[in-house]
Amino acid sequence: QPTHMASNNQTSVTEFILKSFSENPQFQIFLFSLFLGLFIVAFTGNSLIIVVISLNPGLHTPMYFFLRNLALMDILSTCTVVPKLLQNLMTENTISYGGCIAQIYFLSWCLGAELLLFTAMAYDRYAAICQPLHYNTMMNKTVCCLLASAVWAFSGTNTTINTLMTVRLSFCGPNAIDHFFCEIPPLLPLSCSPTYINNIMTFVADMFFAIINLLFILLSYGFIISSILKIQTTEGKKKAFSTCSSHLIVVTMYYCTIIYIYILPAFGQSLKEGKIASVFYAIVSPAVNPLIYSLRNKDVKVAFKKLCPFFRK
């Protein structure tokens, strides 16, 4: 069993080459500007959401508690992918073996946690709209903290197992990953050890995180929609739906790309198109989430104006 990357011919790969979107220098400059812009928006927007919610006692409710967790996950995932991507667009497209494993670990931790968090947020909306009289009991502080801890812990455990399974593999031949950052699906074909168990583990994790969670979310929204339809007034219906619409938009956007990249390859879908789709959940989604949640949300806007007097004008 080799202990060091270079000490054995079987594991001679000490770095990987990440294939960019295009070799055209002009296009690379355009991509650099685009990704840098999205990174700044994602980092600033999510940091502001964390600050605004933390400093405003009126926003210390379960919905905003989960939103703060989501903002933290978005900051972590963009910081895992984008700085290295920007560096690669300007210089050579390489990443060290350790850097690649670190990207896999932190990115899949954040992605898994976000998918679980969407389910917790759907449950919160279900409790608020379908069980309003029991809401304070169902979603008290302890329940919220337990749910958030479970989200981070479940995802962390899954990531640790899958990353350790990847570290066990030998990489001795081709080292060009057809992707712009390290992820398990495009990395497995490069291994010279059998990846059968890795493929099964990845598929099981995908089914749990993507499909089962999606079914829970759809079930919650089934109950929510039937409750909203029973509300007598149009104003009441609008108010109830407006608290769910932001969550629905983000979930739809996220799940479409996750299923496209992680689930469809198992059924023969090519990974090539996945490169474009993964830009969505790794870079676009974290930049857009704060805008969707804050622009569509009166409470956040009011709290934001209180903190930033120059926005009051």
C-alpha atoms as a PDB file:
ATOM      1  CA  GLN A   1       0.000   0.000   0.000  1.00  0.00           C
ATOM      2  CA  PRO A   2       1.680   3.270  -1.069  1.00  0.00           C
ATOM      3  CA  THR A   3       2.027   5.872   1.643  1.00  0.00           C
ATOM      4  CA  HIS A   4       3.153   8.767  -0.515  1.00  0.00           C
ATOM      5  CA  MET A   5       1.900   9.976  -3.861  1.00  0.00           C
ATOM      6  CA  ALA A   6       5.225   9.849  -5.695  1.00  0.00           C
ATOM      7  CA  SER A   7       6.754   6.935  -3.836  1.00  0.00           C
ATOM      8  CA  ASN A   8       5.010   4.317  -5.924  1.00  0.00           C
ATOM      9  CA  ASN A   9       4.487   3.994  -9.656  1.00  0.00           C
ATOM     10  CA  GLN A  10       0.892   2.976  -9.119  1.00  0.00           C
ATOM     11  CA  THR A  11      -0.024   6.400  -7.729  1.00  0.00           C
ATOM     12  CA  SER A  12       2.225   8.625  -9.748  1.00  0.00           C
ATOM     13  CA  VAL A  13      -0.348  11.367 -10.353  1.00  0.00           C
ATOM     14  CA  THR A  14       0.513  14.312  -8.082  1.00  0.00           C
ATOM     15  CA  GLU A  15      -1.617  16.835  -9.969  1.00  0.00           C
ATOM     16  CA  PHE A  16      -4.563  16.913 -12.347  1.00  0.00           C
ATOM     17  CA  ILE A  17      -5.183  19.030 -15.417  1.00  0.00           C
ATOM     18  CA  LEU A  18      -8.607  20.700 -15.399  1.00  0.00           C
ATOM     19  CA  LYS A  19     -10.060  21.222 -18.851  1.00  0.00           C
ATOM     20  CA  SER A  20     -11.407  24.724 -19.208  1.00  0.00           C
ATOM     21  CA  PHE A  21     -14.376  25.826 -21.317  1.00  0.00           C
ATOM     22  CA  SER A  22     -12.345  27.143 -24.213  1.00  0.00           C
ATOM     23  CA  GLU A  23      -8.776  27.688 -25.364  1.00  0.00           C
ATOM     24  CA  ASN A  24      -9.687  31.065 -26.869  1.00  0.00           C
ATOM     25  CA  PRO A  25      -7.855  33.802 -24.827  1.00  0.00           C
ATOM     26  CA  GLN A  26     -10.585  36.429 -25.470  1.00  0.00           C
ATOM     27  CA  PHE A  27     -13.274  34.032 -24.297  1.00  0.00           C
ATOM     28  CA  GLN A  28     -11.190  33.172 -21.223  1.00  0.00           C
ATOM     29  CA  ILE A  29     -10.961  36.867 -20.302  1.00  0.00           C
ATOM     30  CA  PHE A  30     -14.738  37.133 -20.698  1.00  0.00           C
ATOM     31  CA  LEU A  31     -15.240  34.050 -18.469  1.00  0.00           C
ATOM     32  CA  PHE A  32     -12.773  35.396 -15.885  1.00  0.00           C
ATOM     33  CA  SER A  33     -14.736  38.686 -15.679  1.00  0.00           C
ATOM     34  CA  LEU A  34     -18.080  36.846 -15.537  1.00  0.00           C
ATOM     35  CA  PHE A  35     -17.029  34.408 -12.800  1.00  0.00           C
ATOM     36  CA  LEU A  36     -15.263  37.109 -10.799  1.00  0.00           C
ATOM     37  CA  GLY A  37     -18.436  39.232 -10.947  1.00  0.00           C
ATOM     38  CA  LEU A  38     -20.622  36.310  -9.855  1.00  0.00           C
ATOM     39  CA  PHE A  39     -18.163  35.455  -7.063  1.00  0.00           C
ATOM     40  CA  ILE A  40     -18.254  39.039  -5.711  1.00  0.00           C
ATOM     41  CA  VAL A  41     -22.084  39.075  -5.887  1.00  0.00           C
ATOM     42  CA  ALA A  42     -22.322  35.656  -4.168  1.00  0.00           C
ATOM     43  CA  PHE A  43     -19.818  36.498  -1.431  1.00  0.00           C
ATOM     44  CA  THR A  44     -21.197  39.990  -0.731  1.00  0.00           C
ATOM     45  CA  GLY A  45     -24.873  39.022  -1.012  1.00  0.00           C
ATOM     46  CA  ASN A  46     -24.627  35.993   1.260  1.00  0.00           C
ATOM     47  CA  SER A  47     -22.421  37.809   3.792  1.00  0.00           C
ATOM     48  CA  LEU A  48     -24.977  40.648   3.923  1.00  0.00           C
ATOM     49  CA  ILE A  49     -27.811  38.171   4.482  1.00  0.00           C
ATOM     50  CA  ILE A  50     -25.898  36.599   7.418  1.00  0.00           C
ATOM     51  CA  VAL A  51     -25.166  40.051   8.931  1.00  0.00           C
ATOM     52  CA  VAL A  52     -28.711  41.428   8.406  1.00  0.00           C
ATOM     53  CA  ILE A  53     -30.385  38.338   9.915  1.00  0.00           C
ATOM     54  CA  SER A  54     -27.904  38.130  12.833  1.00  0.00           C
ATOM     55  CA  LEU A  55     -28.252  41.805  13.800  1.00  0.00           C
ATOM     56  CA  ASN A  56     -32.033  42.039  13.452  1.00  0.00           C
ATOM     57  CA  PRO A  57     -34.008  40.419  16.313  1.00  0.00           C
ATOM     58  CA  GLY A  58     -37.187  40.607  14.204  1.00  0.00           C
ATOM     59  CA  LEU A  59     -35.626  38.087  11.814  1.00  0.00           C
ATOM     60  CA  HIS A  60     -34.746  35.523  14.503  1.00  0.00           C
ATOM     61  CA  THR A  61     -37.395  33.089  13.239  1.00  0.00           C
ATOM     62  CA  PRO A  62     -36.965  29.524  11.892  1.00  0.00           C
ATOM     63  CA  MET A  63     -37.275  30.625   8.255  1.00  0.00           C
ATOM     64  CA  TYR A  64     -34.413  33.131   8.573  1.00  0.00           C
ATOM     65  CA  PHE A  65     -32.374  30.780  10.756  1.00  0.00           C
ATOM     66  CA  PHE A  66     -32.345  28.294   7.846  1.00  0.00           C
ATOM     67  CA  LEU A  67     -31.728  31.086   5.349  1.00  0.00           C
ATOM     68  CA  ARG A  68     -28.615  32.085   7.308  1.00  0.00           C
ATOM     69  CA  ASN A  69     -27.382  28.466   7.105  1.00  0.00           C
ATOM     70  CA  LEU A  70     -28.029  28.473   3.347  1.00  0.00           C
ATOM     71  CA  ALA A  71     -26.033  31.700   2.936  1.00  0.00           C
ATOM     72  CA  LEU A  72     -23.116  30.165   4.843  1.00  0.00           C
ATOM     73  CA  MET A  73     -23.196  27.052   2.601  1.00  0.00           C
ATOM     74  CA  ASP A  74     -23.252  29.254  -0.505  1.00  0.00           C
ATOM     75  CA  ILE A  75     -20.184  31.205   0.696  1.00  0.00           C
ATOM     76  CA  LEU A  76     -18.330  27.952   1.434  1.00  0.00           C
ATOM     77  CA  SER A  77     -19.155  26.340  -1.923  1.00  0.00           C
ATOM     78  CA  THR A  78     -18.164  29.374  -4.034  1.00  0.00           C
ATOM     79  CA  CYS A  79     -14.917  29.821  -2.048  1.00  0.00           C
ATOM     80  CA  THR A  80     -14.120  26.144  -2.722  1.00  0.00           C
ATOM     81  CA  VAL A  81     -14.519  26.407  -6.498  1.00  0.00           C
ATOM     82  CA  VAL A  82     -14.191  29.955  -7.824  1.00  0.00           C
ATOM     83  CA  PRO A  83     -10.753  31.227  -6.631  1.00  0.00           C
ATOM     84  CA  LYS A  84      -8.995  28.187  -8.169  1.00  0.00           C
ATOM     85  CA  LEU A  85     -11.120  28.504 -11.320  1.00  0.00           C
ATOM     86  CA  LEU A  86     -10.127  32.177 -11.699  1.00  0.00           C
ATOM     87  CA  GLN A  87      -6.468  31.295 -11.211  1.00  0.00           C
ATOM     88  CA  ASN A  88      -6.737  28.548 -13.852  1.00  0.00           C
ATOM     89  CA  LEU A  89      -8.342  30.908 -16.370  1.00  0.00           C
ATOM     90  CA  MET A  90      -5.316  33.198 -16.052  1.00  0.00           C
ATOM     91  CA  THR A  91      -2.524  30.594 -15.755  1.00  0.00           C
ATOM     92  CA  GLU A  92      -2.129  26.844 -16.439  1.00  0.00           C
ATOM     93  CA  ASN A  93      -5.110  24.599 -15.703  1.00  0.00           C
ATOM     94  CA  THR A  94      -3.645  22.390 -12.978  1.00  0.00           C
ATOM     95  CA  ILE A  95      -4.701  21.410  -9.482  1.00  0.00           C
ATOM     96  CA  SER A  96      -2.666  19.380  -6.987  1.00  0.00           C
ATOM     97  CA  TYR A  97      -3.929  15.958  -5.883  1.00  0.00           C
ATOM     98  CA  GLY A  98      -4.547  17.362  -2.368  1.00  0.00           C
ATOM     99  CA  GLY A  99      -6.308  20.431  -3.767  1.00  0.00           C
ATOM    100  CA  CYS A 100      -8.537  18.201  -5.882  1.00  0.00           C
ATOM    101  CA  ILE A 101      -9.525  16.023  -2.903  1.00  0.00           C
ATOM    102  CA  ALA A 102     -10.176  19.173  -0.801  1.00  0.00           C
ATOM    103  CA  GLN A 103     -12.467  20.565  -3.532  1.00  0.00           C
ATOM    104  CA  ILE A 104     -14.388  17.284  -3.695  1.00  0.00           C
ATOM    105  CA  TYR A 105     -14.749  17.203   0.098  1.00  0.00           C
ATOM    106  CA  PHE A 106     -15.924  20.763   0.728  1.00  0.00           C
ATOM    107  CA  LEU A 107     -18.058  21.108  -2.378  1.00  0.00           C
ATOM    108  CA  SER A 108     -19.943  17.847  -1.870  1.00  0.00           C
ATOM    109  CA  TRP A 109     -20.393  18.704   1.819  1.00  0.00           C
ATOM    110  CA  CYS A 110     -22.025  22.023   0.887  1.00  0.00           C
ATOM    111  CA  LEU A 111     -24.107  20.550  -1.946  1.00  0.00           C
ATOM    112  CA  GLY A 112     -25.432  17.697   0.186  1.00  0.00           C
ATOM    113  CA  ALA A 113     -26.141  20.082   3.066  1.00  0.00           C
ATOM    114  CA  GLU A 114     -28.038  22.473   0.759  1.00  0.00           C
ATOM    115  CA  LEU A 115     -30.262  19.673  -0.554  1.00  0.00           C
ATOM    116  CA  LEU A 116     -31.054  18.570   3.020  1.00  0.00           C
ATOM    117  CA  LEU A 117     -31.574  22.179   4.101  1.00  0.00           C
ATOM    118  CA  PHE A 118     -34.153  22.711   1.319  1.00  0.00           C
ATOM    119  CA  THR A 119     -36.121  19.821   2.861  1.00  0.00           C
ATOM    120  CA  ALA A 120     -35.890  21.387   6.337  1.00  0.00           C
ATOM    121  CA  MET A 121     -37.068  24.715   4.857  1.00  0.00           C
ATOM    122  CA  ALA A 122     -39.982  22.980   3.115  1.00  0.00           C
ATOM    123  CA  TYR A 123     -40.936  21.361   6.442  1.00  0.00           C
ATOM    124  CA  ASP A 124     -40.783  24.802   8.087  1.00  0.00           C
ATOM    125  CA  ARG A 125     -43.147  26.252   5.443  1.00  0.00           C
ATOM    126  CA  TYR A 126     -45.446  23.216   5.856  1.00  0.00           C
ATOM    127  CA  ALA A 127     -45.584  23.789   9.642  1.00  0.00           C
ATOM    128  CA  ALA A 128     -46.223  27.555   9.185  1.00  0.00           C
ATOM    129  CA  ILE A 129     -49.016  27.195   6.625  1.00  0.00           C
ATOM    130  CA  CYS A 130     -50.636  23.836   7.440  1.00  0.00           C
ATOM    131  CA  GLN A 131     -50.190  23.785  11.238  1.00  0.00           C
ATOM    132  CA  PRO A 132     -50.194  27.493  12.226  1.00  0.00           C
ATOM    133  CA  LEU A 133     -51.522  26.868  15.767  1.00  0.00           C
ATOM    134  CA  HIS A 134     -48.759  24.348  16.535  1.00  0.00           C
ATOM    135  CA  TYR A 135     -46.047  26.173  14.604  1.00  0.00           C
ATOM    136  CA  ASN A 136     -44.196  27.599  17.641  1.00  0.00           C
ATOM    137  CA  THR A 137     -44.039  24.143  19.230  1.00  0.00           C
ATOM    138  CA  MET A 138     -43.145  22.283  16.003  1.00  0.00           C
ATOM    139  CA  MET A 139     -40.397  24.739  15.078  1.00  0.00           C
ATOM    140  CA  ASN A 140     -39.021  25.889  18.441  1.00  0.00           C
ATOM    141  CA  LYS A 141     -35.369  26.840  18.849  1.00  0.00           C
ATOM    142  CA  THR A 142     -34.273  23.320  19.870  1.00  0.00           C
ATOM    143  CA  VAL A 143     -35.972  21.713  16.853  1.00  0.00           C
ATOM    144  CA  CYS A 144     -34.357  24.241  14.485  1.00  0.00           C
ATOM    145  CA  CYS A 145     -30.885  23.672  15.966  1.00  0.00           C
ATOM    146  CA  LEU A 146     -31.346  19.885  15.808  1.00  0.00           C
ATOM    147  CA  LEU A 147     -32.485  20.064  12.176  1.00  0.00           C
ATOM    148  CA  ALA A 148     -29.563  22.314  11.178  1.00  0.00           C
ATOM    149  CA  SER A 149     -27.053  20.108  13.043  1.00  0.00           C
ATOM    150  CA  ALA A 150     -28.485  17.000  11.360  1.00  0.00           C
ATOM    151  CA  VAL A 151     -28.198  18.696   7.945  1.00  0.00           C
ATOM    152  CA  TRP A 152     -24.485  19.511   8.426  1.00  0.00           C
ATOM    153  CA  ALA A 153     -23.691  16.164  10.125  1.00  0.00           C
ATOM    154  CA  PHE A 154     -25.468  13.900   7.604  1.00  0.00           C
ATOM    155  CA  SER A 155     -23.886  15.652   4.680  1.00  0.00           C
ATOM    156  CA  GLY A 156     -20.465  15.704   6.375  1.00  0.00           C
ATOM    157  CA  THR A 157     -20.624  11.962   7.096  1.00  0.00           C
ATOM    158  CA  ASN A 158     -21.623  11.136   3.507  1.00  0.00           C
ATOM    159  CA  THR A 159     -18.864  13.376   2.122  1.00  0.00           C
ATOM    160  CA  THR A 160     -16.239  11.884   4.433  1.00  0.00           C
ATOM    161  CA  ILE A 161     -17.152   8.324   3.352  1.00  0.00           C
ATOM    162  CA  ASN A 162     -17.201   9.159  -0.378  1.00  0.00           C
ATOM    163  CA  THR A 163     -13.963  11.177  -0.189  1.00  0.00           C
ATOM    164  CA  LEU A 164     -12.157   8.386   1.695  1.00  0.00           C
ATOM    165  CA  MET A 165     -13.388   5.920  -0.952  1.00  0.00           C
ATOM    166  CA  THR A 166     -11.886   8.228  -3.616  1.00  0.00           C
ATOM    167  CA  VAL A 167      -8.564   8.603  -1.742  1.00  0.00           C
ATOM    168  CA  ARG A 168      -8.237   4.773  -1.741  1.00  0.00           C
ATOM    169  CA  LEU A 169      -8.104   4.747  -5.562  1.00  0.00           C
ATOM    170  CA  SER A 170      -4.842   4.755  -7.527  1.00  0.00           C
ATOM    171  CA  PHE A 171      -4.314   7.330 -10.267  1.00  0.00           C
ATOM    172  CA  CYS A 172      -1.413   6.302 -12.466  1.00  0.00           C
ATOM    173  CA  GLY A 173      -2.321   7.151 -16.041  1.00  0.00           C
ATOM    174  CA  PRO A 174      -4.217  10.015 -17.660  1.00  0.00           C
ATOM    175  CA  ASN A 175      -4.606  13.010 -15.367  1.00  0.00           C
ATOM    176  CA  ALA A 176      -6.837  15.338 -17.427  1.00  0.00           C
ATOM    177  CA  ILE A 177     -10.253  15.877 -15.787  1.00  0.00           C
ATOM    178  CA  ASP A 178     -12.883  16.954 -18.293  1.00  0.00           C
ATOM    179  CA  HIS A 179     -14.281  19.533 -15.896  1.00  0.00           C
ATOM    180  CA  PHE A 180     -13.353  22.961 -14.533  1.00  0.00           C
ATOM    181  CA  PHE A 181     -13.194  21.792 -10.899  1.00  0.00           C
ATOM    182  CA  CYS A 182     -12.802  18.467  -9.085  1.00  0.00           C
ATOM    183  CA  GLU A 183     -15.898  16.344  -8.619  1.00  0.00           C
ATOM    184  CA  ILE A 184     -16.291  12.597  -8.151  1.00  0.00           C
ATOM    185  CA  PRO A 185     -18.171  11.709 -11.418  1.00  0.00           C
ATOM    186  CA  PRO A 186     -15.513  13.094 -13.839  1.00  0.00           C
ATOM    187  CA  LEU A 187     -12.620  11.891 -11.618  1.00  0.00           C
ATOM    188  CA  LEU A 188     -13.579   8.193 -11.362  1.00  0.00           C
ATOM    189  CA  PRO A 189     -12.900   7.311 -15.047  1.00  0.00           C
ATOM    190  CA  LEU A 190      -9.236   8.352 -14.558  1.00  0.00           C
ATOM    191  CA  SER A 191      -8.563   5.779 -11.838  1.00  0.00           C
ATOM    192  CA  CYS A 192      -6.539   2.658 -12.554  1.00  0.00           C
ATOM    193  CA  SER A 193      -8.184   0.803  -9.641  1.00  0.00           C
ATOM    194  CA  PRO A 194     -11.685  -0.695  -9.885  1.00  0.00           C
ATOM    195  CA  THR A 195     -14.319   1.998  -9.221  1.00  0.00           C
ATOM    196  CA  TYR A 196     -17.366  -0.284  -9.045  1.00  0.00           C
ATOM    197  CA  ILE A 197     -17.966   0.314  -5.308  1.00  0.00           C
ATOM    198  CA  ASN A 198     -17.326   4.067  -5.718  1.00  0.00           C
ATOM    199  CA  ASN A 199     -19.937   4.260  -8.474  1.00  0.00           C
ATOM    200  CA  ILE A 200     -22.487   2.415  -6.330  1.00  0.00           C
ATOM    201  CA  MET A 201     -21.755   4.600  -3.278  1.00  0.00           C
ATOM    202  CA  THR A 202     -22.015   7.784  -5.346  1.00  0.00           C
ATOM    203  CA  PHE A 203     -25.290   6.633  -6.878  1.00  0.00           C
ATOM    204  CA  VAL A 204     -26.770   5.686  -3.466  1.00  0.00           C
ATOM    205  CA  ALA A 205     -25.758   9.087  -2.059  1.00  0.00           C
ATOM    206  CA  ASP A 206     -27.280  10.847  -5.084  1.00  0.00           C
ATOM    207  CA  MET A 207     -30.542   8.937  -4.742  1.00  0.00           C
ATOM    208  CA  PHE A 208     -30.750   9.837  -1.052  1.00  0.00           C
ATOM    209  CA  PHE A 209     -29.709  13.493  -1.315  1.00  0.00           C
ATOM    210  CA  ALA A 210     -31.440  14.366  -4.569  1.00  0.00           C
ATOM    211  CA  ILE A 211     -34.382  12.031  -5.165  1.00  0.00           C
ATOM    212  CA  ILE A 212     -35.611  11.211  -1.625  1.00  0.00           C
ATOM    213  CA  ASN A 213     -35.250  14.837  -0.523  1.00  0.00           C
ATOM    214  CA  LEU A 214     -37.077  16.011  -3.632  1.00  0.00           C
ATOM    215  CA  LEU A 215     -39.954  13.636  -2.829  1.00  0.00           C
ATOM    216  CA  PHE A 216     -40.169  15.054   0.733  1.00  0.00           C
ATOM    217  CA  ILE A 217     -40.209  18.603  -0.659  1.00  0.00           C
ATOM    218  CA  LEU A 218     -42.936  17.722  -3.190  1.00  0.00           C
ATOM    219  CA  LEU A 219     -44.971  16.072  -0.425  1.00  0.00           C
ATOM    220  CA  SER A 220     -44.632  19.189   1.795  1.00  0.00           C
ATOM    221  CA  TYR A 221     -45.692  21.423  -1.083  1.00  0.00           C
ATOM    222  CA  GLY A 222     -48.629  19.128  -1.873  1.00  0.00           C
ATOM    223  CA  PHE A 223     -49.953  19.800   1.651  1.00  0.00           C
ATOM    224  CA  ILE A 224     -49.029  23.499   1.447  1.00  0.00           C
ATOM    225  CA  ILE A 225     -50.845  24.061  -1.878  1.00  0.00           C
ATOM    226  CA  SER A 226     -53.975  22.258  -0.676  1.00  0.00           C
ATOM    227  CA  SER A 227     -53.952  24.433   2.488  1.00  0.00           C
ATOM    228  CA  ILE A 228     -53.462  27.626   0.448  1.00  0.00           C
ATOM    229  CA  LEU A 229     -56.389  26.701  -1.818  1.00  0.00           C
ATOM    230  CA  LYS A 230     -58.650  26.415   1.260  1.00  0.00           C
ATOM    231  CA  ILE A 231     -57.870  30.017   2.322  1.00  0.00           C
ATOM    232  CA  GLN A 232     -60.972  32.114   1.622  1.00  0.00           C
ATOM    233  CA  THR A 233     -59.482  35.499   0.692  1.00  0.00           C
ATOM    234  CA  THR A 234     -57.308  36.227  -2.340  1.00  0.00           C
ATOM    235  CA  GLU A 235     -55.096  38.410  -0.133  1.00  0.00           C
ATOM    236  CA  GLY A 236     -54.584  35.515   2.302  1.00  0.00           C
ATOM    237  CA  LYS A 237     -53.746  33.132  -0.551  1.00  0.00           C
ATOM    238  CA  LYS A 238     -51.223  35.633  -1.962  1.00  0.00           C
ATOM    239  CA  LYS A 239     -49.574  36.182   1.423  1.00  0.00           C
ATOM    240  CA  ALA A 240     -49.267  32.451   2.127  1.00  0.00           C
ATOM    241  CA  PHE A 241     -47.848  31.725  -1.307  1.00  0.00           C
ATOM    242  CA  SER A 242     -45.374  34.632  -1.234  1.00  0.00           C
ATOM    243  CA  THR A 243     -43.583  33.068   1.759  1.00  0.00           C
ATOM    244  CA  CYS A 244     -43.019  29.896  -0.303  1.00  0.00           C
ATOM    245  CA  SER A 245     -42.309  31.306  -3.761  1.00  0.00           C
ATOM    246  CA  SER A 246     -38.641  32.225  -3.124  1.00  0.00           C
ATOM    247  CA  HIS A 247     -37.947  28.769  -1.725  1.00  0.00           C
ATOM    248  CA  LEU A 248     -39.692  27.104  -4.689  1.00  0.00           C
ATOM    249  CA  ILE A 249     -37.692  29.113  -7.262  1.00  0.00           C
ATOM    250  CA  VAL A 250     -34.341  28.266  -5.621  1.00  0.00           C
ATOM    251  CA  VAL A 251     -35.227  24.576  -5.160  1.00  0.00           C
ATOM    252  CA  THR A 252     -36.364  24.197  -8.783  1.00  0.00           C
ATOM    253  CA  MET A 253     -33.235  25.885 -10.146  1.00  0.00           C
ATOM    254  CA  TYR A 254     -30.975  23.775  -7.950  1.00  0.00           C
ATOM    255  CA  TYR A 255     -32.598  20.394  -8.447  1.00  0.00           C
ATOM    256  CA  CYS A 256     -32.737  20.688 -12.234  1.00  0.00           C
ATOM    257  CA  THR A 257     -28.936  21.052 -12.425  1.00  0.00           C
ATOM    258  CA  ILE A 258     -28.152  18.462  -9.703  1.00  0.00           C
ATOM    259  CA  ILE A 259     -30.295  15.793 -11.409  1.00  0.00           C
ATOM    260  CA  TYR A 260     -28.764  16.703 -14.764  1.00  0.00           C
ATOM    261  CA  ILE A 261     -25.191  16.254 -13.501  1.00  0.00           C
ATOM    262  CA  TYR A 262     -25.385  13.543 -10.886  1.00  0.00           C
ATOM    263  CA  ILE A 263     -28.363  11.360 -11.750  1.00  0.00           C
ATOM    264  CA  LEU A 264     -28.521  11.330 -15.557  1.00  0.00           C
ATOM    265  CA  PRO A 265     -24.899  10.126 -16.134  1.00  0.00           C
ATOM    266  CA  ALA A 266     -25.910   6.915 -14.330  1.00  0.00           C
ATOM    267  CA  PHE A 267     -28.484   6.420 -17.081  1.00  0.00           C
ATOM    268  CA  GLY A 268     -26.021   7.086 -19.901  1.00  0.00           C
ATOM    269  CA  GLN A 269     -26.206  10.897 -20.124  1.00  0.00           C
ATOM    270  CA  SER A 270     -22.850  12.379 -21.163  1.00  0.00           C
ATOM    271  CA  LEU A 271     -20.823  14.388 -18.632  1.00  0.00           C
ATOM    272  CA  LYS A 272     -19.856  16.943 -21.308  1.00  0.00           C
ATOM    273  CA  GLU A 273     -23.014  19.051 -20.983  1.00  0.00           C
ATOM    274  CA  GLY A 274     -22.724  18.706 -17.213  1.00  0.00           C
ATOM    275  CA  LYS A 275     -19.822  21.146 -17.258  1.00  0.00           C
ATOM    276  CA  ILE A 276     -22.127  24.020 -18.237  1.00  0.00           C
ATOM    277  CA  ALA A 277     -24.888  22.870 -15.876  1.00  0.00           C
ATOM    278  CA  SER A 278     -22.528  22.663 -12.888  1.00  0.00           C
ATOM    279  CA  VAL A 279     -21.696  26.367 -13.342  1.00  0.00           C
ATOM    280  CA  PHE A 280     -25.279  26.896 -12.187  1.00  0.00           C
ATOM    281  CA  TYR A 281     -25.134  25.193  -8.816  1.00  0.00           C
ATOM    282  CA  ALA A 282     -21.479  26.013  -8.061  1.00  0.00           C
ATOM    283  CA  ILE A 283     -21.448  29.694  -9.086  1.00  0.00           C
ATOM    284  CA  VAL A 284     -24.749  31.090 -10.426  1.00  0.00           C
ATOM    285  CA  SER A 285     -27.058  29.690  -7.737  1.00  0.00           C
ATOM    286  CA  PRO A 286     -25.033  31.076  -4.755  1.00  0.00           C
ATOM    287  CA  ALA A 287     -24.993  34.494  -6.484  1.00  0.00           C
ATOM    288  CA  VAL A 288     -28.714  34.469  -7.285  1.00  0.00           C
ATOM    289  CA  ASN A 289     -30.040  33.010  -3.978  1.00  0.00           C
ATOM    290  CA  PRO A 290     -29.543  36.201  -1.891  1.00  0.00           C
ATOM    291  CA  LEU A 291     -31.172  38.281  -4.648  1.00  0.00           C
ATOM    292  CA  ILE A 292     -34.192  35.958  -4.857  1.00  0.00           C
ATOM    293  CA  TYR A 293     -34.620  35.847  -1.071  1.00  0.00           C
ATOM    294  CA  SER A 294     -34.011  39.540  -0.394  1.00  0.00           C
ATOM    295  CA  LEU A 295     -35.655  41.189  -3.409  1.00  0.00           C
ATOM    296  CA  ARG A 296     -38.828  39.152  -2.956  1.00  0.00           C
ATOM    297  CA  ASN A 297     -38.901  39.596   0.808  1.00  0.00           C
ATOM    298  CA  LYS A 298     -40.294  42.666   2.560  1.00  0.00           C
ATOM    299  CA  ASP A 299     -38.848  41.809   6.016  1.00  0.00           C
ATOM    300  CA  VAL A 300     -35.288  41.446   4.669  1.00  0.00           C
ATOM    301  CA  LYS A 301     -35.593  44.716   2.719  1.00  0.00           C
ATOM    302  CA  VAL A 302     -36.814  46.584   5.837  1.00  0.00           C
ATOM    303  CA  ALA A 303     -34.024  45.097   7.999  1.00  0.00           C
ATOM    304  CA  PHE A 304     -31.485  45.924   5.301  1.00  0.00           C
ATOM    305  CA  LYS A 305     -32.598  49.571   5.182  1.00  0.00           C
ATOM    306  CA  LYS A 306     -32.351  49.824   8.987  1.00  0.00           C
ATOM    307  CA  LEU A 307     -28.741  48.651   8.860  1.00  0.00           C
ATOM    308  CA  CYS A 308     -27.729  50.698   5.828  1.00  0.00           C
ATOM    309  CA  PRO A 309     -29.112  54.245   6.152  1.00  0.00           C
ATOM    310  CA  PHE A 310     -27.889  55.215   2.666  1.00  0.00           C
ATOM    311  CA  PHE A 311     -30.347  52.703   1.166  1.00  0.00           C
ATOM    312  CA  ARG A 312     -33.293  54.538   2.731  1.00  0.00           C
ATOM    313  CA  LYS A 313     -33.383  57.222   0.087  1.00  0.00           C
END
